């Protein structure tokens, strides 16, 4: 059985003990931590380093248009990006399945 996790360029590593953060490994090997509730579309695009092809393949948004060509109505379907909510849910779920990360790397703080 095919598992999308096998081909995903971003690897879910786990969640923090309070479930407030997800940990990922990027394609280049760098590990990042993101808030569980902060996986909005732009952050997901950044997580995938701008390459949304995998996301579009696994979480497509399918648009439909209809044209009238008497006596028929023709239905056209075409892909239009990726579904952010579905992608975020999948990423968080796979982090949770990976388990709790016991010793995440220390975070950098920006002090203004």
N, C-alpha and C. Protein backbone atom coordinates (compact mmCIF):
# COMPACT_ATOMS: atom_id res chain seq x y z
N UNK A 1 0.84 -1.19 0.00
CA UNK A 1 0.00 0.00 0.00
C UNK A 1 0.89 1.25 0.00
N UNK A 2 0.54 2.20 -0.84
CA UNK A 2 1.32 3.43 -0.97
C UNK A 2 1.08 4.35 0.23
N UNK A 3 2.16 4.85 0.80
CA UNK A 3 2.07 5.81 1.89
C UNK A 3 2.73 7.10 1.42
N UNK A 4 1.97 8.23 1.35
CA UNK A 4 2.55 9.49 0.90
C UNK A 4 3.77 9.91 1.72
N UNK A 5 3.87 9.46 2.96
CA UNK A 5 5.00 9.82 3.80
C UNK A 5 6.32 9.36 3.18
N UNK A 6 6.27 8.26 2.41
CA UNK A 6 7.49 7.74 1.79
C UNK A 6 8.11 8.72 0.80
N UNK A 7 7.28 9.52 0.14
CA UNK A 7 7.80 10.44 -0.87
C UNK A 7 7.79 11.90 -0.43
N UNK A 8 7.29 12.18 0.75
CA UNK A 8 7.20 13.56 1.22
C UNK A 8 8.60 14.12 1.45
N UNK A 9 8.92 15.27 0.84
CA UNK A 9 10.26 15.85 1.02
C UNK A 9 10.49 16.40 2.43
N UNK A 10 9.43 16.67 3.16
CA UNK A 10 9.52 17.17 4.53
C UNK A 10 9.14 16.01 5.45
N UNK A 11 10.02 15.69 6.40
CA UNK A 11 9.78 14.55 7.29
C UNK A 11 9.26 15.00 8.64
N UNK A 12 8.03 14.61 9.01
CA UNK A 12 7.52 14.91 10.35
C UNK A 12 8.31 14.10 11.39
N UNK A 13 8.87 14.79 12.39
CA UNK A 13 9.71 14.13 13.39
C UNK A 13 9.00 13.88 14.71
N UNK A 14 7.97 14.68 15.01
CA UNK A 14 7.26 14.50 16.27
C UNK A 14 6.68 15.80 16.77
N UNK A 15 6.12 15.73 17.98
CA UNK A 15 5.49 16.89 18.60
C UNK A 15 6.14 17.15 19.96
N UNK A 16 5.94 18.37 20.46
CA UNK A 16 6.42 18.69 21.81
C UNK A 16 5.52 18.01 22.83
N UNK A 17 5.98 17.93 24.05
CA UNK A 17 5.22 17.25 25.11
C UNK A 17 3.86 17.88 25.34
N UNK A 18 3.75 19.19 25.16
CA UNK A 18 2.46 19.86 25.35
C UNK A 18 1.62 19.91 24.06
N UNK A 19 2.11 19.27 22.99
CA UNK A 19 1.47 19.20 21.68
C UNK A 19 1.34 20.54 20.99
N UNK A 20 2.07 21.54 21.47
CA UNK A 20 1.98 22.88 20.90
C UNK A 20 2.92 23.13 19.74
N UNK A 21 3.86 22.22 19.49
CA UNK A 21 4.83 22.42 18.41
C UNK A 21 5.04 21.12 17.64
N UNK A 22 5.26 21.28 16.35
CA UNK A 22 5.60 20.16 15.47
C UNK A 22 7.05 20.32 15.02
N UNK A 23 7.74 19.22 14.91
CA UNK A 23 9.14 19.21 14.51
C UNK A 23 9.27 18.51 13.15
N UNK A 24 10.02 19.13 12.24
CA UNK A 24 10.17 18.61 10.88
C UNK A 24 11.64 18.62 10.47
N UNK A 25 11.98 17.73 9.53
CA UNK A 25 13.30 17.76 8.88
C UNK A 25 13.06 18.18 7.44
N UNK A 26 13.75 19.25 7.03
CA UNK A 26 13.62 19.77 5.67
C UNK A 26 14.45 18.93 4.71
N UNK A 27 14.22 19.08 3.39
CA UNK A 27 14.96 18.27 2.42
C UNK A 27 16.48 18.34 2.57
N UNK A 28 17.03 19.48 2.97
CA UNK A 28 18.48 19.61 3.13
C UNK A 28 19.01 19.05 4.44
N UNK A 29 18.13 18.55 5.31
CA UNK A 29 18.55 17.96 6.57
C UNK A 29 18.35 18.87 7.78
N UNK A 30 18.06 20.14 7.56
CA UNK A 30 17.84 21.07 8.67
C UNK A 30 16.54 20.75 9.39
N UNK A 31 16.55 20.83 10.71
CA UNK A 31 15.35 20.58 11.49
C UNK A 31 14.74 21.90 11.95
N UNK A 32 13.42 21.98 11.84
CA UNK A 32 12.70 23.19 12.23
C UNK A 32 11.53 22.82 13.14
N UNK A 33 11.13 23.79 13.95
CA UNK A 33 10.00 23.64 14.85
C UNK A 33 8.98 24.72 14.53
N UNK A 34 7.73 24.31 14.36
CA UNK A 34 6.66 25.24 14.05
C UNK A 34 5.50 25.03 15.03
N UNK A 35 4.76 26.09 15.34
CA UNK A 35 3.60 25.92 16.21
C UNK A 35 2.56 25.03 15.53
N UNK A 36 1.97 24.13 16.29
CA UNK A 36 0.97 23.21 15.75
C UNK A 36 -0.18 23.97 15.10
N UNK A 37 -0.58 25.07 15.69
CA UNK A 37 -1.70 25.84 15.14
C UNK A 37 -1.25 26.92 14.16
N UNK A 38 -0.01 26.88 13.71
CA UNK A 38 0.52 27.91 12.84
C UNK A 38 0.86 27.45 11.44
N UNK A 39 0.26 26.35 10.99
CA UNK A 39 0.59 25.84 9.66
C UNK A 39 -0.35 26.44 8.62
N UNK A 40 -0.26 27.76 8.45
CA UNK A 40 -1.05 28.41 7.41
C UNK A 40 -0.36 28.21 6.07
N UNK A 41 -1.02 28.61 4.99
CA UNK A 41 -0.54 28.30 3.64
C UNK A 41 0.87 28.79 3.36
N UNK A 42 1.18 30.03 3.72
CA UNK A 42 2.51 30.56 3.43
C UNK A 42 3.59 29.82 4.21
N UNK A 43 3.29 29.44 5.44
CA UNK A 43 4.27 28.70 6.24
C UNK A 43 4.49 27.30 5.67
N UNK A 44 3.43 26.67 5.17
CA UNK A 44 3.59 25.35 4.55
C UNK A 44 4.43 25.47 3.28
N UNK A 45 4.19 26.51 2.49
CA UNK A 45 5.00 26.73 1.28
C UNK A 45 6.46 26.91 1.66
N UNK A 46 6.73 27.68 2.71
CA UNK A 46 8.11 27.88 3.17
C UNK A 46 8.71 26.56 3.67
N UNK A 47 7.91 25.77 4.38
CA UNK A 47 8.37 24.48 4.89
C UNK A 47 8.83 23.58 3.73
N UNK A 48 8.11 23.65 2.61
CA UNK A 48 8.46 22.85 1.44
C UNK A 48 9.42 23.61 0.51
N UNK A 49 10.01 24.67 1.03
CA UNK A 49 11.02 25.47 0.34
C UNK A 49 10.54 25.94 -1.04
N UNK A 50 9.27 26.31 -1.09
CA UNK A 50 8.70 26.88 -2.30
C UNK A 50 8.26 25.89 -3.36
N UNK A 51 8.60 24.63 -3.21
CA UNK A 51 8.21 23.61 -4.20
C UNK A 51 6.91 22.96 -3.74
N UNK A 52 5.81 23.37 -4.33
CA UNK A 52 4.50 22.88 -3.91
C UNK A 52 4.01 21.68 -4.73
N UNK A 53 4.84 21.13 -5.60
CA UNK A 53 4.40 20.04 -6.48
C UNK A 53 3.92 18.82 -5.69
N UNK A 54 4.62 18.44 -4.62
CA UNK A 54 4.20 17.29 -3.82
C UNK A 54 2.86 17.59 -3.15
N UNK A 55 2.71 18.81 -2.63
CA UNK A 55 1.46 19.20 -1.98
C UNK A 55 0.30 19.20 -2.98
N UNK A 56 0.54 19.72 -4.18
CA UNK A 56 -0.50 19.76 -5.20
C UNK A 56 -0.91 18.37 -5.66
N UNK A 57 0.03 17.44 -5.65
CA UNK A 57 -0.26 16.06 -6.04
C UNK A 57 -1.10 15.35 -4.98
N UNK A 58 -0.80 15.59 -3.70
CA UNK A 58 -1.46 14.84 -2.63
C UNK A 58 -2.65 15.56 -1.99
N UNK A 59 -2.72 16.87 -2.10
CA UNK A 59 -3.82 17.65 -1.52
C UNK A 59 -4.35 18.67 -2.54
N UNK A 60 -4.77 18.18 -3.72
CA UNK A 60 -5.14 19.14 -4.77
C UNK A 60 -6.46 19.85 -4.50
N UNK A 61 -6.52 21.07 -4.97
CA UNK A 61 -7.80 21.77 -5.06
C UNK A 61 -8.23 21.60 -6.51
N UNK A 62 -9.41 21.04 -6.71
CA UNK A 62 -9.93 20.83 -8.05
C UNK A 62 -11.04 21.84 -8.30
N UNK A 63 -10.85 22.65 -9.30
CA UNK A 63 -11.86 23.64 -9.70
C UNK A 63 -12.67 23.08 -10.86
N UNK A 64 -13.90 23.54 -10.95
CA UNK A 64 -14.75 23.14 -12.05
C UNK A 64 -15.32 24.37 -12.74
N UNK A 65 -15.39 24.31 -14.03
CA UNK A 65 -16.07 25.35 -14.79
C UNK A 65 -17.04 24.66 -15.74
N UNK A 66 -18.04 25.38 -16.12
CA UNK A 66 -19.04 24.85 -17.03
C UNK A 66 -19.20 25.82 -18.19
N UNK A 67 -19.22 25.25 -19.38
CA UNK A 67 -19.48 26.08 -20.55
C UNK A 67 -20.70 25.51 -21.28
N UNK A 68 -21.50 26.40 -21.78
CA UNK A 68 -22.71 25.99 -22.50
C UNK A 68 -22.37 25.89 -23.98
N UNK A 69 -22.55 24.71 -24.51
CA UNK A 69 -22.33 24.46 -25.93
C UNK A 69 -23.59 23.74 -26.40
N UNK A 70 -24.59 24.52 -26.78
CA UNK A 70 -25.92 23.97 -27.09
C UNK A 70 -25.80 22.74 -27.96
N UNK A 71 -26.48 21.70 -27.67
CA UNK A 71 -27.45 21.51 -26.59
C UNK A 71 -26.82 20.93 -25.33
N UNK A 72 -25.51 21.01 -25.17
CA UNK A 72 -24.83 20.39 -24.04
C UNK A 72 -24.23 21.43 -23.10
N UNK A 73 -23.99 21.00 -21.87
CA UNK A 73 -23.18 21.77 -20.93
C UNK A 73 -21.92 20.96 -20.69
N UNK A 74 -20.78 21.57 -20.94
CA UNK A 74 -19.51 20.86 -20.82
C UNK A 74 -18.87 21.22 -19.48
N UNK A 75 -18.49 20.21 -18.75
CA UNK A 75 -17.85 20.40 -17.43
C UNK A 75 -16.35 20.22 -17.58
N UNK A 76 -15.59 21.20 -17.10
CA UNK A 76 -14.12 21.16 -17.15
C UNK A 76 -13.60 21.10 -15.72
N UNK A 77 -12.66 20.19 -15.46
CA UNK A 77 -12.02 20.11 -14.15
C UNK A 77 -10.53 20.40 -14.34
N UNK A 78 -9.97 21.18 -13.41
CA UNK A 78 -8.54 21.47 -13.50
C UNK A 78 -7.99 21.71 -12.09
N UNK A 79 -6.72 21.33 -11.87
CA UNK A 79 -6.10 21.55 -10.56
C UNK A 79 -5.80 23.03 -10.35
N UNK A 80 -5.87 23.46 -9.10
CA UNK A 80 -5.63 24.87 -8.78
C UNK A 80 -4.96 24.99 -7.40
N UNK A 81 -3.72 24.56 -7.33
CA UNK A 81 -2.98 24.67 -6.06
C UNK A 81 -3.23 23.50 -5.12
N UNK A 82 -2.97 23.72 -3.83
CA UNK A 82 -3.16 22.66 -2.83
C UNK A 82 -4.08 23.15 -1.72
N UNK A 83 -4.73 22.20 -1.07
CA UNK A 83 -5.66 22.49 0.01
C UNK A 83 -4.86 22.65 1.31
N UNK A 84 -4.77 23.87 1.79
CA UNK A 84 -3.96 24.17 2.97
C UNK A 84 -4.44 23.42 4.21
N UNK A 85 -5.74 23.38 4.43
CA UNK A 85 -6.28 22.73 5.63
C UNK A 85 -5.98 21.23 5.62
N UNK A 86 -6.15 20.59 4.48
CA UNK A 86 -5.85 19.15 4.37
C UNK A 86 -4.36 18.88 4.58
N UNK A 87 -3.51 19.71 3.98
CA UNK A 87 -2.07 19.55 4.12
C UNK A 87 -1.64 19.75 5.58
N UNK A 88 -2.17 20.79 6.22
CA UNK A 88 -1.81 21.06 7.62
C UNK A 88 -2.26 19.92 8.53
N UNK A 89 -3.47 19.43 8.31
CA UNK A 89 -3.98 18.31 9.12
C UNK A 89 -3.10 17.07 8.95
N UNK A 90 -2.71 16.78 7.72
CA UNK A 90 -1.86 15.62 7.46
C UNK A 90 -0.50 15.77 8.14
N UNK A 91 0.11 16.95 8.04
CA UNK A 91 1.42 17.19 8.65
C UNK A 91 1.37 17.06 10.17
N UNK A 92 0.35 17.67 10.79
CA UNK A 92 0.22 17.59 12.25
C UNK A 92 -0.05 16.14 12.68
N UNK A 93 -0.92 15.45 11.96
CA UNK A 93 -1.23 14.06 12.31
C UNK A 93 0.01 13.18 12.24
N UNK A 94 0.85 13.38 11.23
CA UNK A 94 2.05 12.55 11.11
C UNK A 94 3.11 12.92 12.15
N UNK A 95 3.13 14.18 12.55
CA UNK A 95 4.02 14.54 13.67
C UNK A 95 3.55 13.85 14.95
N UNK A 96 2.25 13.86 15.18
CA UNK A 96 1.69 13.20 16.38
C UNK A 96 1.97 11.70 16.35
N UNK A 97 1.83 11.08 15.20
CA UNK A 97 2.10 9.64 15.08
C UNK A 97 3.57 9.32 15.32
N UNK A 98 4.45 10.27 14.99
CA UNK A 98 5.88 10.05 15.20
C UNK A 98 6.24 10.07 16.68
N UNK A 99 5.38 10.68 17.51
CA UNK A 99 5.59 10.68 18.95
C UNK A 99 6.13 11.99 19.49
N UNK A 100 6.38 11.99 20.78
CA UNK A 100 6.87 13.18 21.46
C UNK A 100 8.38 13.28 21.31
N UNK A 101 8.83 14.47 20.92
CA UNK A 101 10.25 14.75 20.81
C UNK A 101 10.73 15.13 22.20
N UNK A 102 11.62 14.33 22.75
CA UNK A 102 12.00 14.53 24.15
C UNK A 102 12.98 15.68 24.35
N UNK A 103 13.92 15.84 23.44
CA UNK A 103 14.93 16.89 23.62
C UNK A 103 15.05 17.73 22.36
N UNK A 104 14.08 18.60 22.12
CA UNK A 104 14.21 19.45 20.93
C UNK A 104 15.40 20.37 21.07
N UNK A 105 15.93 20.78 19.93
CA UNK A 105 17.06 21.71 19.95
C UNK A 105 16.63 23.03 20.57
N UNK A 106 17.54 23.70 21.26
CA UNK A 106 17.18 25.00 21.87
C UNK A 106 16.77 26.00 20.79
N UNK A 107 15.82 26.83 21.14
CA UNK A 107 15.33 27.83 20.20
C UNK A 107 16.14 29.10 20.31
N UNK A 108 16.25 29.79 19.20
CA UNK A 108 16.89 31.09 19.19
C UNK A 108 15.87 32.14 19.53
N UNK A 109 16.21 33.05 20.37
CA UNK A 109 15.29 34.13 20.73
C UNK A 109 15.80 35.42 20.12
N UNK A 110 14.89 36.17 19.54
CA UNK A 110 15.24 37.48 18.98
C UNK A 110 14.81 38.50 20.01
N UNK A 111 15.78 39.26 20.50
CA UNK A 111 15.49 40.27 21.50
C UNK A 111 15.61 41.64 20.85
N UNK A 112 14.52 42.38 20.92
CA UNK A 112 14.52 43.71 20.27
C UNK A 112 14.88 44.78 21.28
